[in-house]
Amino acid sequence: MGGHGPPPPPARGGGAAAGTVATPDGDPAAGAGAGGSAAAGDGADTTADTDADAAVALDAAGALALLDSIPATDADAAAPAYDRESAFGGWAARDGGGSTRDMILERDLTDTTVKDGRVTGGLLHDPYTGVDVRFEYGPDTSGAVWVDHIVSLEDAWRSGASTWDGGRRREFMNDPDVLLAVDGGQARAKGDGLNADGTIWLPSAPDAVCGYAAARVAVKHAYGLSMTDTERESTRTALAACPAG
């Protein structure tokens, strides 16, 4: 998966309003040290390909074909309490400076400026709204653009990641095929990716819905994550409305 549309090509948000310090999705200032990135584990780059290749580009028909193979969430098996930092760590440092977050910003933004491996500016064509968003690094401005987990970290935790070891969770945290640069406001609206009634959140741009819903299925399938019945059926409804081809 990867790019604009949204994916494929290469989704969790949560955000910060202007003037506040964002969490690591929205502002690398929340990371460790002057470099602005929190290393995962021992600081090694954990962005290597996953053995369950989440990069398979699915169209709506392909996602529908996979949907019923995704395991059902066990309603009686509650995941342990979720704490993002202890569960998934931070962005992995990368060679040459910066972090996974900067890698995604470089991939998804245009007209970028980079200093010591950190993306300091650029232009995002937001895949969730179709609106252009200017990015400028800083505590009051970085939250305009977030690096979103297509399947949110909290949702991943509830639907299977709580049983993984730390290495597997750091892999998910930093997998480029699970990540997408998006408008910060949309990331806040998305939250954990599920609406209050348990249906899936969908982007506001109608032409982004099919790509997002298909990408979400691809990530859940690639990582063996489960779905609730409501989640599955709302995904089916979204995909069934997509044009063929």
Protein backbone atom coordinates (compact mmCIF):
# COMPACT_ATOMS: atom_id res chain seq x y z
CA MET A 1 0.00 0.00 0.00
CA GLY A 2 1.54 3.37 -0.15
CA GLY A 3 0.66 7.06 -1.29
CA HIS A 4 -2.29 9.25 -2.01
CA GLY A 5 -5.81 8.32 -2.63
CA PRO A 6 -5.59 7.09 0.17
CA PRO A 7 -3.68 3.82 -0.12
CA PRO A 8 -2.80 1.93 -1.99
CA PRO A 9 -0.14 3.30 -2.26
CA PRO A 10 0.55 3.84 1.34
CA ALA A 11 -3.41 5.31 8.91
CA ARG A 12 -3.84 6.14 13.56
CA GLY A 13 -3.99 9.65 14.37
CA GLY A 14 -5.02 11.71 17.25
CA GLY A 15 -3.79 15.22 17.08
CA ALA A 16 -2.95 18.48 18.69
CA ALA A 17 -4.40 21.87 18.06
CA ALA A 18 -2.10 24.66 16.96
CA GLY A 19 -0.10 25.97 19.85
CA THR A 20 0.13 22.67 21.66
CA VAL A 21 2.83 20.01 21.65
CA ALA A 22 1.56 17.04 19.69
CA THR A 23 2.13 13.36 20.38
CA PRO A 24 4.72 11.57 18.20
CA ASP A 25 2.27 11.12 15.31
CA GLY A 26 1.94 14.85 14.90
CA ASP A 27 5.14 16.40 16.16
CA PRO A 28 8.60 14.88 16.46
CA ALA A 29 9.34 17.34 19.24
CA ALA A 30 7.68 14.79 21.51
CA GLY A 31 10.40 12.30 20.65
CA ALA A 32 13.68 11.73 22.41
CA GLY A 33 16.45 14.27 22.53
CA ALA A 34 17.49 16.95 20.09
CA GLY A 35 17.07 14.65 17.14
CA GLY A 36 13.32 14.71 17.66
CA SER A 37 12.82 10.97 17.18
CA ALA A 38 12.16 8.30 19.74
CA ALA A 39 14.09 5.17 18.87
CA ALA A 40 12.26 1.88 19.02
CA GLY A 41 13.80 -0.61 21.39
CA ASP A 42 17.56 -0.27 21.21
CA GLY A 43 17.30 2.40 18.53
CA ALA A 44 17.87 0.11 15.57
CA ASP A 45 15.95 0.79 12.37
CA THR A 46 12.90 -1.48 12.48
CA THR A 47 11.43 -0.48 9.13
CA ALA A 48 12.38 -3.71 7.36
CA ASP A 49 9.72 -5.53 5.35
CA THR A 50 7.29 -7.62 7.37
CA ASP A 51 6.97 -11.31 6.54
CA ALA A 52 3.24 -10.71 6.26
CA ASP A 53 3.52 -8.27 3.38
CA ALA A 54 1.11 -5.41 4.04
CA ALA A 55 2.18 -3.81 0.76
CA VAL A 56 -0.21 -5.89 -1.32
CA ALA A 57 -2.32 -3.33 -3.16
CA LEU A 58 -5.97 -4.33 -2.91
CA ASP A 59 -8.86 -2.90 -4.87
CA ALA A 60 -12.37 -3.04 -3.42
CA ALA A 61 -13.09 -6.44 -4.99
CA GLY A 62 -9.87 -7.89 -3.62
CA ALA A 63 -10.61 -6.51 -0.17
CA LEU A 64 -14.12 -7.96 -0.25
CA ALA A 65 -12.67 -11.34 -1.16
CA LEU A 66 -10.38 -11.23 1.88
CA LEU A 67 -12.87 -9.78 4.32
CA ASP A 68 -14.39 -13.00 5.61
CA SER A 69 -10.95 -14.58 6.13
CA ILE A 70 -10.12 -11.99 8.78
CA PRO A 71 -10.68 -13.55 12.23
CA ALA A 72 -13.57 -12.44 14.38
CA THR A 73 -12.80 -10.53 17.54
CA ASP A 74 -13.49 -12.62 20.63
CA ALA A 75 -15.99 -10.52 22.56
CA ASP A 76 -15.11 -12.38 25.77
CA ALA A 77 -11.35 -11.83 25.49
CA ALA A 78 -10.54 -8.33 26.68
CA ALA A 79 -7.08 -6.99 25.81
CA PRO A 80 -4.95 -5.62 28.65
CA ALA A 81 -5.15 -1.90 29.33
CA TYR A 82 -3.70 0.05 26.42
CA ASP A 83 -0.74 2.38 26.82
CA ARG A 84 0.67 3.51 23.49
CA GLU A 85 4.24 4.25 24.56
CA SER A 86 4.82 1.05 26.50
CA ALA A 87 3.01 -1.06 23.91
CA PHE A 88 4.53 0.25 20.68
CA GLY A 89 7.44 2.53 21.59
CA GLY A 90 8.29 5.52 19.42
CA TRP A 91 9.40 6.13 15.88
CA ALA A 92 12.51 4.20 14.90
CA ALA A 93 15.65 6.22 14.21
CA ARG A 94 16.97 5.94 10.68
CA ASP A 95 20.40 6.21 9.15
CA GLY A 96 21.27 9.79 8.26
CA GLY A 97 19.09 11.31 10.97
CA GLY A 98 15.39 11.70 11.54
CA SER A 99 12.97 8.85 12.07
CA THR A 100 10.33 6.75 10.40
CA ARG A 101 8.03 9.75 10.61
CA ASP A 102 10.44 11.80 8.49
CA MET A 103 10.70 8.98 5.97
CA ILE A 104 6.92 8.99 5.52
CA LEU A 105 6.81 12.78 5.24
CA GLU A 106 9.49 12.64 2.54
CA ARG A 107 7.52 9.96 0.72
CA ASP A 108 4.08 11.56 0.90
CA LEU A 109 4.80 15.30 0.75
CA THR A 110 6.08 17.34 -2.17
CA ASP A 111 8.30 20.42 -2.19
CA THR A 112 10.01 19.13 0.96
CA THR A 113 12.91 20.67 2.82
CA VAL A 114 15.10 18.41 4.94
CA LYS A 115 17.74 19.25 7.54
CA ASP A 116 19.86 16.54 9.16
CA GLY A 117 17.34 13.91 8.14
CA ARG A 118 14.35 15.77 9.56
CA VAL A 119 11.65 17.07 7.24
CA THR A 120 11.23 20.75 8.07
CA GLY A 121 8.69 21.74 5.44
CA GLY A 122 6.60 20.51 2.55
CA LEU A 123 3.18 20.32 0.95
CA LEU A 124 0.71 17.50 1.59
CA HIS A 125 -2.15 16.66 -0.74
CA ASP A 126 -4.26 15.12 1.99
CA PRO A 127 -5.48 11.65 1.00
CA TYR A 128 -8.48 11.84 3.34
CA THR A 129 -9.91 15.20 2.19
CA GLY A 130 -8.23 16.03 -1.12
CA VAL A 131 -7.15 19.38 0.34
CA ASP A 132 -3.59 20.71 0.21
CA VAL A 133 -1.98 21.26 3.61
CA ARG A 134 1.28 23.13 4.15
CA PHE A 135 3.65 21.50 6.64
CA GLU A 136 6.19 23.44 8.66
CA TYR A 137 8.17 21.77 11.42
CA GLY A 138 7.70 23.33 14.87
CA PRO A 139 5.81 22.95 18.17
CA ASP A 140 3.00 25.21 16.95
CA THR A 141 2.84 23.99 13.35
CA SER A 142 3.83 20.32 13.01
CA GLY A 143 0.37 19.16 14.07
CA ALA A 144 -1.03 20.30 10.72
CA VAL A 145 0.24 17.03 9.26
CA TRP A 146 0.18 13.68 11.05
CA VAL A 147 1.66 10.33 10.18
CA ASP A 148 -1.35 8.08 10.55
CA HIS A 149 -1.54 4.34 11.11
CA ILE A 150 -4.16 3.10 8.65
CA VAL A 151 -5.22 0.66 11.36
CA SER A 152 -4.75 2.67 14.54
CA LEU A 153 -2.38 1.46 17.21
CA GLU A 154 -5.21 1.22 19.74
CA ASP A 155 -7.35 -0.81 17.35
CA ALA A 156 -4.38 -3.05 16.54
CA TRP A 157 -3.80 -3.58 20.27
CA ARG A 158 -7.42 -4.63 20.84
CA SER A 159 -7.55 -6.85 17.78
CA GLY A 160 -4.43 -8.91 18.35
CA ALA A 161 -1.30 -6.84 18.91
CA SER A 162 -1.60 -7.19 22.69
CA THR A 163 -0.47 -10.81 22.23
CA TRP A 164 2.60 -9.91 20.13
CA ASP A 165 6.12 -9.52 21.43
CA GLY A 166 7.69 -6.08 21.55
CA GLY A 167 9.61 -6.55 18.32
CA ARG A 168 6.48 -7.31 16.36
CA ARG A 169 4.69 -4.28 17.80
CA ARG A 170 7.63 -1.99 16.96
CA GLU A 171 7.58 -3.43 13.45
CA PHE A 172 3.90 -2.50 13.11
CA MET A 173 4.53 0.95 14.59
CA ASN A 174 7.19 1.68 11.96
CA ASP A 175 5.97 -0.29 8.93
CA PRO A 176 5.81 2.17 5.98
CA ASP A 177 3.01 0.12 4.43
CA VAL A 178 0.82 0.84 7.46
CA LEU A 179 1.58 4.57 7.51
CA LEU A 180 0.20 7.57 5.65
CA ALA A 181 0.77 11.32 6.03
CA VAL A 182 -2.61 13.00 6.54
CA ASP A 183 -4.27 16.21 7.62
CA GLY A 184 -4.06 16.58 11.40
CA GLY A 185 -7.73 17.46 11.76
CA GLN A 186 -8.76 14.29 9.96
CA ALA A 187 -6.44 12.27 12.18
CA ARG A 188 -8.12 13.71 15.25
CA ALA A 189 -11.55 12.96 13.83
CA LYS A 190 -10.50 9.39 13.04
CA GLY A 191 -9.36 8.62 16.58
CA ASP A 192 -9.06 4.85 16.97
CA GLY A 193 -10.67 4.29 13.57
CA LEU A 194 -14.08 3.19 14.85
CA ASN A 195 -17.18 5.30 15.32
CA ALA A 196 -19.18 5.29 18.56
CA ASP A 197 -21.51 2.63 17.13
CA GLY A 198 -18.60 0.35 16.22
CA THR A 199 -18.70 1.02 12.47
CA ILE A 200 -15.48 2.02 10.72
CA TRP A 201 -14.51 5.67 10.37
CA LEU A 202 -14.29 6.77 6.73
CA PRO A 203 -12.52 9.75 5.11
CA SER A 204 -14.57 12.85 4.33
CA ALA A 205 -13.64 12.83 0.61
CA PRO A 206 -16.01 10.39 -1.15
CA ASP A 207 -13.34 9.31 -3.65
CA ALA A 208 -11.02 8.36 -0.77
CA VAL A 209 -13.40 5.91 0.90
CA CYS A 210 -12.75 2.86 -1.27
CA GLY A 211 -8.96 3.08 -1.11
CA TYR A 212 -8.99 3.60 2.65
CA ALA A 213 -11.43 0.76 3.36
CA ALA A 214 -9.46 -1.62 1.13
CA ALA A 215 -6.15 -0.60 2.72
CA ARG A 216 -7.57 -1.20 6.17
CA VAL A 217 -8.55 -4.75 5.19
CA ALA A 218 -5.08 -5.32 3.71
CA VAL A 219 -3.35 -4.27 6.93
CA LYS A 220 -5.61 -6.36 9.16
CA HIS A 221 -5.12 -9.37 6.92
CA ALA A 222 -1.35 -8.94 6.66
CA TYR A 223 -0.91 -8.76 10.43
CA GLY A 224 -3.57 -11.32 11.40
CA LEU A 225 -5.67 -8.72 13.23
CA SER A 226 -9.33 -9.37 13.97
CA MET A 227 -12.56 -7.49 13.32
CA THR A 228 -15.78 -7.21 15.27
CA ASP A 229 -18.99 -8.18 13.48
CA THR A 230 -20.06 -4.53 13.24
CA GLU A 231 -16.66 -3.50 11.93
CA ARG A 232 -16.73 -6.25 9.30
CA GLU A 233 -20.23 -5.49 8.08
CA SER A 234 -19.63 -1.73 7.87
CA THR A 235 -16.45 -2.47 5.91
CA ARG A 236 -18.45 -4.73 3.59
CA THR A 237 -21.02 -1.98 3.05
CA ALA A 238 -18.34 0.57 2.20
CA LEU A 239 -16.53 -1.74 -0.22
CA ALA A 240 -19.70 -3.02 -1.88
CA ALA A 241 -20.54 0.54 -2.90
CA CYS A 242 -17.23 0.97 -4.73
CA PRO A 243 -17.12 0.95 -8.54
CA ALA A 244 -15.78 -2.18 -10.20
CA GLY A 245 -12.22 -2.13 -11.47
